[in-house]
C-alpha cells in the first residue's frame, strides 16, 4: 500500500466501504487496495447476487459472490448475519478459490443465523417477477428477495439448521412448504415448472451439506466483538449500493437488505460506536441494470442492457472495439452524438457487463444530486471515484447538477419518492474534460490540468474529499490524493 494512504488509514481501525450508486462501482478493487492495512474483512449484507472481482498480490483473478474480498490477500473472512447464504454456491466458491490461490485458505466464518437459500426461494422469485409483469424488478434470479422476505416473516431456514437431524429439519420446513403450496400448485398447473422439490428433497439437500460446512458455522457477532476487544483492524464491506438499499434506494427496484453504511451494524451485531469511518465508492459514470428510475440515464434501459449481448464481438475483439470507439468519440467531440452513441461508447470502453448475469449495464451521466443524497445517507469521510480514466480524450460532457420536480429545484441531498424520481427534470451543465489519456496514472501530479480541475470542481460540489481516483483496473492504477 502507498505509504501516504497507510498513514491516513492508521487511525481508522474499523472501516466501512459501501457503494454510492446502483452497484458495480468497483468496490472490490478499492477494498483490495486498502485490505493490506486490516486483519479481517466482513461482508454484512447481500448474497450471491453481488459479484466482486479482485486480484491476488501475484496478479491472479478471483471472483467472489459470497466470501469477502479479503480472501485474495489471505485475510480472515467473516460472513455476517446480514448476508443471505446459498451454501452450495459457498462451497463452489471455496473450491474455485482453492484452485486460484493454490494454498490453504484463511479462516472463513458463516453466521449460524443467516437466512439460508433453498430451491423454493428461486422458484418463488420467478413467480413474483412474473406477477409484476412489465413492472418486474429484473432480479438476478438468485432468490435474494424471497430469502430476506421470508426471514422477516419468521419462516426462513437458517444456516445453522443444516446441523440438525433430518426429522427436525422437516418439521422446521413444513410451515414454509404449506405457506408456499398454493403458489407452487399454480406454477405447476400453469406449466411454469414441471416439478417442485418436496420437503424431503430440500431436507436431504441440507443434510448433505452439513459435513462440508459445519467447520465454518459460528456466532459471527460474538467472534467480531472479541476481535474489537482485541483491537484487531476490521474492514466491513457492503454489497450492491445505496440505490439498491431496501429502505433508502429506489424501492421496489432494489435488492434486499441494507446496502447503506448503517447496515454494517445491523448485519454484524456490533454497536454503532465501533465504526470509525466510511469510504463511499462512486463511479464517474454511474450504471444500472434491471428496472427502476435512473435520472441521468443516457439511453433506453432495455436497449442498453441488450447491447452487450447483441454486439458481443465489440467486447471481445480489440481491433474492432478500437475502430468503433474512434468513430463514436469523433461524434461525441463534434457534438453530433445521440444518447445511444454516448451509452454505447462508454459501455464498450468500460466493458460494462454484469459479473453475475452478463447483462449490459445502462450508463448515466455524472449525477451530483444523486451523490449528494448518497452522501447524506451514508455520511462518508471520503469518496473513492472509480473509472475516472473513461473521460480521457472527451472534449466535454453533460453533468447533472440539479433535479427539478414540478418546476421546483430540489434542495441539496433531497430526493423525491421513487415513483416520482422518473419524473424529475435534470438540470445539466457542460463540464470540460481533457485530451490526454490518463489510463493507469497513479499520481496526482501526473494528471493533466483538465483532470485536476474536474476533480476540484466535483469535490467542491459534493463537499466531501475525494481520497482515491481510479484510472484503470490494475491495483496500481489509483491516484491517492491525501486527506
Foldseek 3Di string as FASTA:
>chain_A
DPPQVLVVCVVFQEEEEFAQFFDPLQSLLVCQLCVVSFQEEEEQAEEQQFWHWDAAPVGFIAIDRQWDSCQSDQHATEYFQRYAYELVVVVVSVVVSCVRVVDDTHAYAYEQFRFYDFPVLLVVLVLVQVVCPPNGLQGLSPSQVVSQVVVVVVLTDTLNCLQDPLVVQLVSNVVVCVVCVVVVVVCCVVVVDPDDDDSSRRSVVSPVSCVVCVVRYDNQLVVVVVCVVVSGRYYYYFGGHQLQACVRHLPPSHGYAGRARVSSCVRRVDDPVSGDFYEYRYEQKDWDAGDFDDQQFLDDHVCQQCVCVVPVVLQVPPVNVVVLLVVLLVCQQVVNDGSVSVQVNLCSVVVQADPSRRTHITIGHAELQSSQLSCVRRVGQAYAYEPLLSCAQRQKDKHFQFWDDPNHTDDRNDDDRRVCNNVIDTDIDIQGAYHDGCAQPAEPVPDDPRSVVVQVVSCVSNVHHHQWYARYDDSRRIYGDHD
